[in-house]
C-alpha atoms as a PDB file:
ATOM      1  CA  MET A   1      41.829 -94.834 -19.074  1.00  0.00           C
ATOM      2  CA  ARG A   2      41.661 -91.840 -21.351  1.00  0.00           C
ATOM      3  CA  LEU A   3      39.647 -89.913 -18.796  1.00  0.00           C
ATOM      4  CA  LEU A   4      42.204 -90.615 -16.136  1.00  0.00           C
ATOM      5  CA  VAL A   5      44.974 -89.356 -18.378  1.00  0.00           C
ATOM      6  CA  LEU A   6      43.086 -86.113 -19.010  1.00  0.00           C
ATOM      7  CA  VAL A   7      42.415 -85.612 -15.334  1.00  0.00           C
ATOM      8  CA  VAL A   8      46.084 -86.116 -14.464  1.00  0.00           C
ATOM      9  CA  LEU A   9      47.107 -83.768 -17.267  1.00  0.00           C
ATOM     10  CA  SER A  10      44.721 -81.077 -16.049  1.00  0.00           C
ATOM     11  CA  ILE A  11      46.011 -81.311 -12.519  1.00  0.00           C
ATOM     12  CA  ALA A  12      49.571 -81.084 -13.745  1.00  0.00           C
ATOM     13  CA  LEU A  13      48.805 -77.995 -15.852  1.00  0.00           C
ATOM     14  CA  MET A  14      47.130 -76.247 -12.874  1.00  0.00           C
ATOM     15  CA  VAL A  15      50.093 -76.971 -10.620  1.00  0.00           C
ATOM     16  CA  VAL A  16      52.585 -75.747 -13.225  1.00  0.00           C
ATOM     17  CA  ASP A  17      50.496 -72.583 -13.888  1.00  0.00           C
ATOM     18  CA  ALA A  18      50.229 -71.842 -10.177  1.00  0.00           C
ATOM     19  CA  ARG A  19      53.873 -72.517  -9.277  1.00  0.00           C
ATOM     20  CA  PHE A  20      55.743 -71.440 -12.408  1.00  0.00           C
ATOM     21  CA  THR A  21      55.462 -68.792 -15.194  1.00  0.00           C
ATOM     22  CA  VAL A  22      56.060 -71.153 -18.066  1.00  0.00           C
ATOM     23  CA  LEU A  23      52.438 -71.142 -19.209  1.00  0.00           C
ATOM     24  CA  LYS A  24      51.918 -67.379 -18.909  1.00  0.00           C
ATOM     25  CA  PRO A  25      52.396 -66.658 -22.683  1.00  0.00           C
ATOM     26  CA  VAL A  26      49.962 -69.435 -23.504  1.00  0.00           C
ATOM     27  CA  ARG A  27      47.387 -67.964 -21.057  1.00  0.00           C
ATOM     28  CA  ASP A  28      47.738 -64.494 -22.589  1.00  0.00           C
ATOM     29  CA  GLN A  29      47.174 -65.794 -26.107  1.00  0.00           C
ATOM     30  CA  MET A  30      44.143 -67.760 -25.009  1.00  0.00           C
ATOM     31  CA  SER A  31      42.672 -64.666 -23.270  1.00  0.00           C
ATOM     32  CA  LEU A  32      42.920 -62.730 -26.519  1.00  0.00           C
ATOM     33  CA  VAL A  33      41.046 -65.437 -28.383  1.00  0.00           C
ATOM     34  CA  LEU A  34      38.394 -65.681 -25.681  1.00  0.00           C
ATOM     35  CA  MET A  35      37.955 -61.882 -25.609  1.00  0.00           C
ATOM     36  CA  GLN A  36      37.120 -61.832 -29.303  1.00  0.00           C
ATOM     37  CA  SER A  37      34.603 -64.596 -28.793  1.00  0.00           C
ATOM     38  CA  TYR A  38      33.023 -62.681 -25.899  1.00  0.00           C
ATOM     39  CA  THR A  39      32.695 -59.582 -28.099  1.00  0.00           C
ATOM     40  CA  VAL A  40      31.061 -61.533 -30.897  1.00  0.00           C
ATOM     41  CA  THR A  41      28.608 -63.287 -28.603  1.00  0.00           C
ATOM     42  CA  ASP A  42      27.705 -60.025 -26.782  1.00  0.00           C
ATOM     43  CA  LEU A  43      27.148 -58.017 -29.984  1.00  0.00           C
ATOM     44  CA  PRO A  44      23.396 -58.825 -30.436  1.00  0.00           C
ATOM     45  CA  LEU A  45      22.603 -57.859 -26.861  1.00  0.00           C
ATOM     46  CA  ARG A  46      24.472 -54.564 -27.148  1.00  0.00           C
ATOM     47  CA  LEU A  47      22.769 -53.759 -30.442  1.00  0.00           C
ATOM     48  CA  TRP A  48      19.343 -54.362 -28.897  1.00  0.00           C
ATOM     49  CA  GLN A  49      20.123 -52.206 -25.863  1.00  0.00           C
ATOM     50  CA  GLY A  50      21.394 -49.379 -28.100  1.00  0.00           C
ATOM     51  CA  VAL A  51      18.255 -49.373 -30.243  1.00  0.00           C
ATOM     52  CA  ALA A  52      15.997 -49.485 -27.176  1.00  0.00           C
ATOM     53  CA  SER A  53      17.885 -46.634 -25.497  1.00  0.00           C
ATOM     54  CA  GLN A  54      17.633 -44.513 -28.628  1.00  0.00           C
ATOM     55  CA  PHE A  55      13.878 -44.940 -28.832  1.00  0.00           C
ATOM     56  CA  GLY A  56      13.483 -44.470 -25.056  1.00  0.00           C
ATOM     57  CA  SER A  57      15.585 -41.302 -25.003  1.00  0.00           C
ATOM     58  CA  ARG A  58      13.609 -39.807 -27.865  1.00  0.00           C
ATOM     59  CA  THR A  59      10.316 -40.505 -26.093  1.00  0.00           C
ATOM     60  CA  GLU A  60      11.598 -38.985 -22.844  1.00  0.00           C
ATOM     61  CA  LEU A  61      12.912 -35.936 -24.675  1.00  0.00           C
ATOM     62  CA  ILE A  62       9.568 -35.403 -26.391  1.00  0.00           C
ATOM     63  CA  ALA A  63       7.690 -35.669 -23.066  1.00  0.00           C
ATOM     64  CA  GLU A  64      10.143 -33.311 -21.326  1.00  0.00           C
ATOM     65  CA  ASN A  65       9.873 -30.849 -24.199  1.00  0.00           C
ATOM     66  CA  GLU A  66       6.075 -30.796 -23.926  1.00  0.00           C
ATOM     67  CA  LYS A  67       6.302 -30.305 -20.155  1.00  0.00           C
ATOM     68  CA  LEU A  68       8.722 -27.390 -20.537  1.00  0.00           C
ATOM     69  CA  LYS A  69       6.487 -25.774 -23.156  1.00  0.00           C
ATOM     70  CA  THR A  70       3.494 -26.005 -20.798  1.00  0.00           C
ATOM     71  CA  GLU A  71       5.480 -24.511 -17.891  1.00  0.00           C
ATOM     72  CA  ALA A  72       6.776 -21.700 -20.109  1.00  0.00           C
ATOM     73  CA  LEU A  73       3.229 -20.891 -21.214  1.00  0.00           C
ATOM     74  CA  LEU A  74       2.006 -20.790 -17.610  1.00  0.00           C
ATOM     75  CA  LEU A  75       4.908 -18.564 -16.561  1.00  0.00           C
ATOM     76  CA  GLN A  76       4.231 -16.180 -19.436  1.00  0.00           C
ATOM     77  CA  GLY A  77       0.596 -15.944 -18.366  1.00  0.00           C
ATOM     78  CA  ARG A  78       1.614 -15.196 -14.781  1.00  0.00           C
ATOM     79  CA  LEU A  79       4.128 -12.619 -15.991  1.00  0.00           C
ATOM     80  CA  GLN A  80       1.440 -10.839 -17.978  1.00  0.00           C
ATOM     81  CA  LYS A  81      -0.843 -10.856 -14.929  1.00  0.00           C
ATOM     82  CA  LEU A  82       1.924  -9.479 -12.725  1.00  0.00           C
ATOM     83  CA  ALA A  83       2.630  -6.755 -15.263  1.00  0.00           C
ATOM     84  CA  ALA A  84      -1.054  -5.787 -15.281  1.00  0.00           C
ATOM     85  CA  LEU A  85      -1.146  -5.775 -11.474  1.00  0.00           C
ATOM     86  CA  THR A  86       1.994  -3.634 -11.364  1.00  0.00           C
ATOM     87  CA  GLU A  87       0.471  -1.067 -13.680  1.00  0.00           C
ATOM     88  CA  GLN A  88      -2.736  -1.114 -11.654  1.00  0.00           C
ATOM     89  CA  ASN A  89      -0.744  -0.602  -8.450  1.00  0.00           C
ATOM     90  CA  VAL A  90       1.046   2.381  -9.972  1.00  0.00           C
ATOM     91  CA  ARG A  91      -2.253   3.918 -11.062  1.00  0.00           C
ATOM     92  CA  LEU A  92      -3.820   3.356  -7.645  1.00  0.00           C
ATOM     93  CA  ARG A  93      -0.868   4.907  -5.849  1.00  0.00           C
ATOM     94  CA  GLU A  94      -0.989   7.920  -8.147  1.00  0.00           C
ATOM     95  CA  LEU A  95      -4.717   8.184  -7.494  1.00  0.00           C
ATOM     96  CA  LEU A  96      -4.255   7.962  -3.731  1.00  0.00           C
ATOM     97  CA  ASN A  97      -1.465  10.535  -3.800  1.00  0.00           C
ATOM     98  CA  SER A  98      -3.684  13.010  -5.658  1.00  0.00           C
ATOM     99  CA  SER A  99      -5.309  15.275  -3.077  1.00  0.00           C
ATOM    100  CA  ALA A 100      -7.622  16.730  -5.704  1.00  0.00           C
ATOM    101  CA  LEU A 101      -9.647  13.520  -5.957  1.00  0.00           C
ATOM    102  CA  VAL A 102     -10.242  12.860  -2.254  1.00  0.00           C
ATOM    103  CA  ASN A 103     -11.391  14.967   0.663  1.00  0.00           C
ATOM    104  CA  GLU A 104      -8.486  13.988   2.903  1.00  0.00           C
ATOM    105  CA  LYS A 105      -4.837  14.182   2.025  1.00  0.00           C
ATOM    106  CA  VAL A 106      -3.146  10.785   2.136  1.00  0.00           C
ATOM    107  CA  GLU A 107       0.438   9.583   1.932  1.00  0.00           C
ATOM    108  CA  VAL A 108       1.739   6.091   1.223  1.00  0.00           C
ATOM    109  CA  ALA A 109       3.876   4.472   3.930  1.00  0.00           C
ATOM    110  CA  GLU A 110       5.599   1.094   4.066  1.00  0.00           C
ATOM    111  CA  LEU A 111       5.679  -1.380   6.926  1.00  0.00           C
ATOM    112  CA  ILE A 112       9.280  -1.977   8.026  1.00  0.00           C
ATOM    113  CA  GLY A 113       8.898  -3.793  11.345  1.00  0.00           C
ATOM    114  CA  MET A 114       6.612  -5.498  13.853  1.00  0.00           C
ATOM    115  CA  ASP A 115       6.583  -5.566  17.630  1.00  0.00           C
ATOM    116  CA  PRO A 116       8.001  -8.937  18.815  1.00  0.00           C
ATOM    117  CA  ASN A 117       5.799  -8.886  21.921  1.00  0.00           C
ATOM    118  CA  PRO A 118       2.902 -11.299  21.220  1.00  0.00           C
ATOM    119  CA  PHE A 119       0.628  -9.470  23.661  1.00  0.00           C
ATOM    120  CA  THR A 120       0.804  -6.115  21.824  1.00  0.00           C
ATOM    121  CA  HIS A 121      -0.212  -5.448  18.235  1.00  0.00           C
ATOM    122  CA  ARG A 122       2.067  -2.696  16.970  1.00  0.00           C
ATOM    123  CA  ILE A 123       3.893  -2.109  13.706  1.00  0.00           C
ATOM    124  CA  LEU A 124       6.640   0.245  12.536  1.00  0.00           C
ATOM    125  CA  ILE A 125       6.292   2.353   9.365  1.00  0.00           C
ATOM    126  CA  ASN A 126       8.847   4.377   7.412  1.00  0.00           C
ATOM    127  CA  LYS A 127       7.177   7.779   7.888  1.00  0.00           C
ATOM    128  CA  GLY A 128       7.865   9.987  10.873  1.00  0.00           C
ATOM    129  CA  GLU A 129       7.749  13.473  12.289  1.00  0.00           C
ATOM    130  CA  ARG A 130       9.882  14.865   9.455  1.00  0.00           C
ATOM    131  CA  ASP A 131       7.180  13.698   7.024  1.00  0.00           C
ATOM    132  CA  GLY A 132       4.395  15.544   8.868  1.00  0.00           C
ATOM    133  CA  VAL A 133       3.032  12.563  10.796  1.00  0.00           C
ATOM    134  CA  VAL A 134       1.256  13.466  14.052  1.00  0.00           C
ATOM    135  CA  LEU A 135       0.178  11.496  17.092  1.00  0.00           C
ATOM    136  CA  GLY A 136      -3.218   9.869  16.724  1.00  0.00           C
ATOM    137  CA  GLN A 137      -3.110   9.992  12.912  1.00  0.00           C
ATOM    138  CA  PRO A 138      -5.298   7.283  11.299  1.00  0.00           C
ATOM    139  CA  VAL A 139      -3.651   4.527   9.278  1.00  0.00           C
ATOM    140  CA  LEU A 140      -5.480   2.329   6.770  1.00  0.00           C
ATOM    141  CA  ASP A 141      -4.773  -0.082   3.952  1.00  0.00           C
ATOM    142  CA  ALA A 142      -6.658  -0.843   0.754  1.00  0.00           C
ATOM    143  CA  ARG A 143      -9.466  -2.602   2.675  1.00  0.00           C
ATOM    144  CA  GLY A 144     -10.092  -0.482   5.746  1.00  0.00           C
ATOM    145  CA  LEU A 145      -8.768   1.093   8.922  1.00  0.00           C
ATOM    146  CA  MET A 146      -5.775  -0.508  10.593  1.00  0.00           C
ATOM    147  CA  GLY A 147      -5.025   1.694  13.605  1.00  0.00           C
ATOM    148  CA  GLN A 148      -3.471   4.964  14.678  1.00  0.00           C
ATOM    149  CA  VAL A 149      -0.031   6.443  15.284  1.00  0.00           C
ATOM    150  CA  VAL A 150       0.937   6.242  18.974  1.00  0.00           C
ATOM    151  CA  GLU A 151       4.671   7.005  18.876  1.00  0.00           C
ATOM    152  CA  LEU A 152       6.649   9.443  16.738  1.00  0.00           C
ATOM    153  CA  MET A 153      10.291   9.398  15.708  1.00  0.00           C
ATOM    154  CA  PRO A 154      12.076  11.615  13.191  1.00  0.00           C
ATOM    155  CA  TYR A 155      11.841   9.180  10.286  1.00  0.00           C
ATOM    156  CA  THR A 156       9.643   6.347  11.591  1.00  0.00           C
ATOM    157  CA  SER A 157       6.391   5.925  13.526  1.00  0.00           C
ATOM    158  CA  ARG A 158       4.803   3.222  15.630  1.00  0.00           C
ATOM    159  CA  VAL A 159       1.197   2.292  14.863  1.00  0.00           C
ATOM    160  CA  LEU A 160      -1.207   0.655  17.324  1.00  0.00           C
ATOM    161  CA  LEU A 161      -3.496  -1.783  15.491  1.00  0.00           C
ATOM    162  CA  LEU A 162      -7.245  -2.062  16.034  1.00  0.00           C
ATOM    163  CA  THR A 163      -6.944  -5.557  17.479  1.00  0.00           C
ATOM    164  CA  ASP A 164      -4.723  -4.542  20.389  1.00  0.00           C
ATOM    165  CA  THR A 165      -6.403  -5.064  23.763  1.00  0.00           C
ATOM    166  CA  THR A 166      -5.875  -1.413  24.706  1.00  0.00           C
ATOM    167  CA  HIS A 167      -7.494  -0.006  21.547  1.00  0.00           C
ATOM    168  CA  SER A 168     -11.136   0.942  20.935  1.00  0.00           C
ATOM    169  CA  ILE A 169     -12.831   2.783  18.104  1.00  0.00           C
ATOM    170  CA  PRO A 170     -16.369   4.202  17.759  1.00  0.00           C
ATOM    171  CA  VAL A 171     -18.203   2.533  14.882  1.00  0.00           C
ATOM    172  CA  GLN A 172     -21.676   2.375  13.428  1.00  0.00           C
ATOM    173  CA  VAL A 173     -23.572  -0.226  11.451  1.00  0.00           C
ATOM    174  CA  ASN A 174     -23.574   0.870   7.845  1.00  0.00           C
ATOM    175  CA  ARG A 175     -27.045  -0.613   7.303  1.00  0.00           C
ATOM    176  CA  ASN A 176     -28.964   1.337   9.947  1.00  0.00           C
ATOM    177  CA  GLY A 177     -26.517   3.711  11.671  1.00  0.00           C
ATOM    178  CA  LEU A 178     -26.476   1.871  15.018  1.00  0.00           C
ATOM    179  CA  ARG A 179     -23.540   3.160  17.062  1.00  0.00           C
ATOM    180  CA  ALA A 180     -21.200   0.979  19.139  1.00  0.00           C
ATOM    181  CA  ILE A 181     -17.619   0.669  20.379  1.00  0.00           C
ATOM    182  CA  ALA A 182     -15.330  -1.896  18.732  1.00  0.00           C
ATOM    183  CA  SER A 183     -12.511  -3.064  21.012  1.00  0.00           C
ATOM    184  CA  GLY A 184      -9.453  -5.199  20.338  1.00  0.00           C
ATOM    185  CA  THR A 185      -9.243  -8.717  21.710  1.00  0.00           C
ATOM    186  CA  GLY A 186      -5.566  -9.539  21.160  1.00  0.00           C
ATOM    187  CA  ASN A 187      -6.566 -11.791  18.261  1.00  0.00           C
ATOM    188  CA  PRO A 188      -5.560 -10.314  14.865  1.00  0.00           C
ATOM    189  CA  GLU A 189      -8.702 -11.779  13.315  1.00  0.00           C
ATOM    190  CA  ARG A 190     -11.302 -10.591  15.833  1.00  0.00           C
ATOM    191  CA  LEU A 191     -12.905  -7.480  17.295  1.00  0.00           C
ATOM    192  CA  GLU A 192     -15.681  -7.286  19.874  1.00  0.00           C
ATOM    193  CA  LEU A 193     -18.510  -4.793  20.197  1.00  0.00           C
ATOM    194  CA  ARG A 194     -19.003  -3.779  23.801  1.00  0.00           C
ATOM    195  CA  HIS A 195     -22.314  -2.981  25.491  1.00  0.00           C
ATOM    196  CA  VAL A 196     -24.593  -3.716  22.551  1.00  0.00           C
ATOM    197  CA  ALA A 197     -28.176  -4.159  23.717  1.00  0.00           C
ATOM    198  CA  ASP A 198     -29.617  -7.622  23.322  1.00  0.00           C
ATOM    199  CA  THR A 199     -32.487  -6.160  21.294  1.00  0.00           C
ATOM    200  CA  ALA A 200     -30.246  -4.078  18.999  1.00  0.00           C
ATOM    201  CA  ASP A 201     -30.764  -4.409  15.247  1.00  0.00           C
ATOM    202  CA  ILE A 202     -27.448  -6.003  14.320  1.00  0.00           C
ATOM    203  CA  LYS A 203     -26.870  -9.256  12.483  1.00  0.00           C
ATOM    204  CA  GLU A 204     -24.195 -11.346  10.885  1.00  0.00           C
ATOM    205  CA  GLY A 205     -22.681  -9.806   7.762  1.00  0.00           C
ATOM    206  CA  ASP A 206     -23.293  -6.164   8.734  1.00  0.00           C
ATOM    207  CA  LEU A 207     -20.513  -3.781   7.752  1.00  0.00           C
ATOM    208  CA  LEU A 208     -19.110  -1.623  10.548  1.00  0.00           C
ATOM    209  CA  VAL A 209     -17.697   1.759   9.532  1.00  0.00           C
ATOM    210  CA  SER A 210     -16.025   4.488  11.548  1.00  0.00           C
ATOM    211  CA  SER A 211     -18.592   6.914  12.973  1.00  0.00           C
ATOM    212  CA  GLY A 212     -16.231   9.889  13.337  1.00  0.00           C
ATOM    213  CA  LEU A 213     -17.146  10.407  17.004  1.00  0.00           C
ATOM    214  CA  GLY A 214     -14.222  11.576  19.082  1.00  0.00           C
ATOM    215  CA  GLN A 215     -12.726  13.320  16.012  1.00  0.00           C
ATOM    216  CA  ARG A 216      -9.845  10.866  15.915  1.00  0.00           C
ATOM    217  CA  PHE A 217     -10.812   8.657  12.958  1.00  0.00           C
ATOM    218  CA  PRO A 218     -12.504  10.083   9.838  1.00  0.00           C
ATOM    219  CA  ALA A 219     -16.079   8.924   9.329  1.00  0.00           C
ATOM    220  CA  GLY A 220     -17.123   6.379   6.733  1.00  0.00           C
ATOM    221  CA  TYR A 221     -14.065   4.111   6.543  1.00  0.00           C
ATOM    222  CA  PRO A 222     -14.653   0.310   6.811  1.00  0.00           C
ATOM    223  CA  VAL A 223     -13.572  -1.179  10.119  1.00  0.00           C
ATOM    224  CA  ALA A 224     -14.951  -4.721  10.399  1.00  0.00           C
ATOM    225  CA  THR A 225     -17.657  -7.149   9.334  1.00  0.00           C
ATOM    226  CA  VAL A 226     -19.934  -8.756  11.917  1.00  0.00           C
ATOM    227  CA  LYS A 227     -19.184 -12.475  12.094  1.00  0.00           C
ATOM    228  CA  GLU A 228     -21.223 -13.682  15.062  1.00  0.00           C
ATOM    229  CA  VAL A 229     -24.068 -12.340  17.225  1.00  0.00           C
ATOM    230  CA  ILE A 230     -24.937 -14.302  20.368  1.00  0.00           C
ATOM    231  CA  HIS A 231     -28.162 -13.440  22.220  1.00  0.00           C
ATOM    232  CA  ASP A 232     -28.539 -14.564  25.824  1.00  0.00           C
ATOM    233  CA  SER A 233     -31.925 -13.975  27.420  1.00  0.00           C
ATOM    234  CA  GLY A 234     -30.330 -13.724  30.851  1.00  0.00           C
ATOM    235  CA  GLN A 235     -27.862 -10.988  29.872  1.00  0.00           C
ATOM    236  CA  PRO A 236     -28.658  -7.347  29.038  1.00  0.00           C
ATOM    237  CA  PHE A 237     -26.016  -7.170  26.307  1.00  0.00           C
ATOM    238  CA  ALA A 238     -25.408  -9.344  23.278  1.00  0.00           C
ATOM    239  CA  ILE A 239     -22.028 -10.818  22.403  1.00  0.00           C
ATOM    240  CA  VAL A 240     -20.999  -9.424  19.014  1.00  0.00           C
ATOM    241  CA  ARG A 241     -17.785 -10.554  17.320  1.00  0.00           C
ATOM    242  CA  ALA A 242     -16.448  -9.008  14.113  1.00  0.00           C
ATOM    243  CA  VAL A 243     -13.578  -9.594  11.674  1.00  0.00           C
ATOM    244  CA  PRO A 244     -11.433  -6.583  10.669  1.00  0.00           C
ATOM    245  CA  THR A 245     -11.736  -5.646   7.014  1.00  0.00           C
ATOM    246  CA  ALA A 246      -8.077  -4.595   6.853  1.00  0.00           C
ATOM    247  CA  ALA A 247      -5.427  -7.247   6.236  1.00  0.00           C
ATOM    248  CA  LEU A 248      -3.592  -6.603   9.488  1.00  0.00           C
ATOM    249  CA  ASN A 249      -1.145  -9.496   9.056  1.00  0.00           C
ATOM    250  CA  ARG A 250      -0.583  -9.144   5.307  1.00  0.00           C
ATOM    251  CA  SER A 251      -0.628  -5.493   4.237  1.00  0.00           C
ATOM    252  CA  ARG A 252       2.779  -3.988   3.486  1.00  0.00           C
ATOM    253  CA  TYR A 253       1.842  -0.616   1.994  1.00  0.00           C
ATOM    254  CA  LEU A 254      -0.340   1.620   4.163  1.00  0.00           C
ATOM    255  CA  LEU A 255      -1.981   5.030   3.933  1.00  0.00           C
ATOM    256  CA  LEU A 256      -1.591   7.891   6.379  1.00  0.00           C
ATOM    257  CA  VAL A 257      -4.715  10.066   6.408  1.00  0.00           C
ATOM    258  CA  PHE A 258      -4.281  13.798   6.979  1.00  0.00           C
ATOM    259  CA  SER A 259      -7.784  14.916   7.999  1.00  0.00           C
ATOM    260  CA  ASP A 260      -8.977  18.499   7.693  1.00  0.00           C
ATOM    261  CA  SER A 261      -9.388  19.682  11.299  1.00  0.00           C
ATOM    262  CA  ARG A 262     -10.881  23.116  10.434  1.00  0.00           C
ATOM    263  CA  THR A 263     -14.380  24.058  11.538  1.00  0.00           C
ATOM    264  CA  PRO A 264     -17.087  24.720   8.921  1.00  0.00           C
ATOM    265  CA  GLU A 265     -16.816  28.489   9.585  1.00  0.00           C
ATOM    266  CA  GLU A 266     -13.061  28.406   8.991  1.00  0.00           C
ATOM    267  CA  ARG A 267     -13.512  26.432   5.796  1.00  0.00           C
ATOM    268  CA  ALA A 268     -16.095  28.926   4.500  1.00  0.00           C
ATOM    269  CA  SER A 269     -13.844  31.877   5.411  1.00  0.00           C
ATOM    270  CA  ASP A 270     -10.847  30.280   3.709  1.00  0.00           C
ATOM    271  CA  ALA A 271     -12.943  29.572   0.615  1.00  0.00           C
ATOM    272  CA  VAL A 272     -14.052  33.237   0.416  1.00  0.00           C
ATOM    273  CA  LYS A 273     -10.466  34.435   0.816  1.00  0.00           C
ATOM    274  CA  ALA A 274      -9.276  32.055  -1.888  1.00  0.00           C
ATOM    275  CA  GLN A 275     -12.016  33.279  -4.238  1.00  0.00           C
ATOM    276  CA  GLU A 276     -11.096  36.911  -3.596  1.00  0.00           C
ATOM    277  CA  ALA A 277      -7.449  36.106  -4.223  1.00  0.00           C
ATOM    278  CA  ASP A 278      -8.324  34.453  -7.529  1.00  0.00           C
ATOM    279  CA  HIS A 279     -10.610  37.371  -8.624  1.00  0.00           C
ATOM    280  CA  PRO A 280      -9.372  40.634  -7.006  1.00  0.00           C
ATOM    281  CA  VAL A 281     -11.581  43.780  -7.200  1.00  0.00           C
ATOM    282  CA  GLN A 282      -9.840  46.487  -9.246  1.00  0.00           C
ATOM    283  CA  THR A 283     -10.490  50.235  -8.500  1.00  0.00           C
ATOM    284  CA  LEU A 284     -10.053  53.041 -11.037  1.00  0.00           C
ATOM    285  CA  PRO A 285      -9.068  56.570  -9.841  1.00  0.00           C
ATOM    286  CA  ALA A 286     -10.890  59.673 -11.079  1.00  0.00           C
ATOM    287  CA  SER A 287      -8.377  61.481 -13.300  1.00  0.00           C
ATOM    288  CA  ASP A 288      -7.987  63.080 -16.655  1.00  0.00           C
ATOM    289  CA  PRO A 289      -7.628  60.506 -19.386  1.00  0.00           C
ATOM    290  CA  ALA A 290      -4.836  62.504 -20.909  1.00  0.00           C
ATOM    291  CA  HIS A 291      -2.977  62.770 -17.582  1.00  0.00           C
ATOM    292  CA  PRO A 292      -3.702  59.727 -15.455  1.00  0.00           C
ATOM    293  CA  LEU A 293      -2.890  59.977 -11.767  1.00  0.00           C
ATOM    294  CA  PRO A 294      -1.972  57.240  -9.298  1.00  0.00           C
ATOM    295  CA  ALA A 295      -4.841  55.594  -7.479  1.00  0.00           C
ATOM    296  CA  THR A 296      -3.770  56.913  -4.053  1.00  0.00           C
ATOM    297  CA  ALA A 297      -3.117  60.533  -5.170  1.00  0.00           C
ATOM    298  CA  PRO A 298      -6.221  62.789  -4.839  1.00  0.00           C
ATOM    299  CA  ALA A 299      -7.124  65.293  -7.555  1.00  0.00           C
ATOM    300  CA  PRO A 300      -6.175  68.945  -6.637  1.00  0.00           C
ATOM    301  CA  ALA A 301      -9.080  71.061  -5.435  1.00  0.00           C
ATOM    302  CA  VAL A 302      -9.851  74.269  -7.318  1.00  0.00           C
ATOM    303  CA  PRO A 303     -11.670  77.067  -5.428  1.00  0.00           C
ATOM    304  CA  GLY A 304     -15.121  77.648  -6.748  1.00  0.00           C
ATOM    305  CA  ALA A 305     -15.008  74.600  -9.007  1.00  0.00           C
ATOM    306  CA  PRO A 306     -17.546  71.823  -8.555  1.00  0.00           C
ATOM    307  CA  ALA A 307     -16.258  68.601  -7.018  1.00  0.00           C
ATOM    308  CA  ALA A 308     -15.472  65.818  -9.460  1.00  0.00           C
ATOM    309  CA  THR A 309     -17.737  62.805  -9.311  1.00  0.00           C
ATOM    310  CA  VAL A 310     -15.720  59.631  -8.653  1.00  0.00           C
ATOM    311  CA  PRO A 311     -17.537  56.522  -9.819  1.00  0.00           C
ATOM    312  CA  VAL A 312     -15.374  54.112  -7.770  1.00  0.00           C
ATOM    313  CA  ALA A 313     -14.772  54.686  -4.052  1.00  0.00           C
ATOM    314  CA  PRO A 314     -11.113  55.299  -3.172  1.00  0.00           C
ATOM    315  CA  PRO A 315      -9.361  53.021  -0.708  1.00  0.00           C
ATOM    316  CA  ALA A 316     -10.017  53.594   2.983  1.00  0.00           C
ATOM    317  CA  SER A 317      -6.416  54.566   3.620  1.00  0.00           C
ATOM    318  CA  ALA A 318      -6.553  57.281   0.990  1.00  0.00           C
ATOM    319  CA  ALA A 319      -9.830  58.837   2.213  1.00  0.00           C
ATOM    320  CA  PRO A 320      -8.392  60.750   5.219  1.00  0.00           C
ATOM    321  CA  ALA A 321      -5.552  62.083   3.112  1.00  0.00           C
ATOM    322  CA  ALA A 322      -7.972  63.258   0.430  1.00  0.00           C
ATOM    323  CA  ALA A 323     -10.182  64.931   3.045  1.00  0.00           C
ATOM    324  CA  ALA A 324      -7.223  66.704   4.610  1.00  0.00           C
ATOM    325  CA  THR A 325      -6.020  67.932   1.257  1.00  0.00           C
ATOM    326  CA  SER A 326      -9.438  69.283   0.308  1.00  0.00           C
ATOM    327  CA  HIS A 327      -9.777  71.013   3.677  1.00  0.00           C
ATOM    328  CA  GLY A 328      -6.362  72.617   3.263  1.00  0.00           C
ATOM    329  CA  ALA A 329      -7.176  73.747  -0.216  1.00  0.00           C
ATOM    330  CA  ALA A 330     -10.452  75.291   0.962  1.00  0.00           C
ATOM    331  CA  THR A 331      -8.952  77.244   3.869  1.00  0.00           C
ATOM    332  CA  THR A 332      -5.962  78.658   2.012  1.00  0.00           C
ATOM    333  CA  PRO A 333      -7.906  81.330  -0.030  1.00  0.00           C
ATOM    334  CA  SER A 334      -9.697  82.576   3.102  1.00  0.00           C
ATOM    335  CA  ARG A 335      -6.364  83.390   4.758  1.00  0.00           C
ATOM    336  CA  GLU A 336      -5.270  85.199   1.596  1.00  0.00           C
ATOM    337  CA  ARG A 337      -8.388  87.437   1.700  1.00  0.00           C
ATOM    338  CA  HIS A 338      -7.505  88.587   5.196  1.00  0.00           C
END
């Protein structure tokens, strides 16, 4: 009976609360009491979560701090290495720009463009005709020859690389001096040696340098390294493939080589002229110490007096004038006697 009464009372309260606002103040007061109870019951859980988060945050901060310290140390090491490389680059560029330390004059150029045609290997550099660049001038990087200038503009030049299919260069094996022709294949990582005898003394790893034949490329510069030698008993020539020593796809700063095109006779003549210009031969005229005369003015001739001995020969231009003066001085007294 009591249970039934409670059930009926509960139903009545729900209907009144849903249809009318009479119980609204009672519901608000009960919510305040329940909220306080919720806060009290939730306090242990919140305290535990706060303590755990504090310890977890400290651990994460310590790990992140160690990671940042390690990264900072690595970056400092790289910065020091970059600073050393920068100084080394400056010294090397100063060395390369010094014509007193090398036989050929060189000038640093920078790559500013590449030919978009995949079937041609050409690049554009920032040196042109106004900088003294000429057609056919060799271009190299820090590792070896790259190509030659094939097109001139006032401030830029176009360079044909060694690997272009239309380019060939005379080379020789640095080990034994064997001569050959290295031709481009269209592959930036490969050159081929044409018409090499099957019995030729060439093997993998040999260094190929420019031979200087044709007087286009200076002799002795690295060109490629032999990568593969294929011998076929049925063919008269071996198949020789080589890898360029120059970083054709990576080099940004290049060198323009200004070779000395003078013959040995011209070089010797220029050297003698330079030595004479540095140490000129000085001539002293024969004159009275008390009354010095210019070097080109001859001493007056006195009839009957012995000729003065001149220790240093006068200049060739002054000799005819001196002879004419002496002749005039010798003939004048004879006319006076008559």
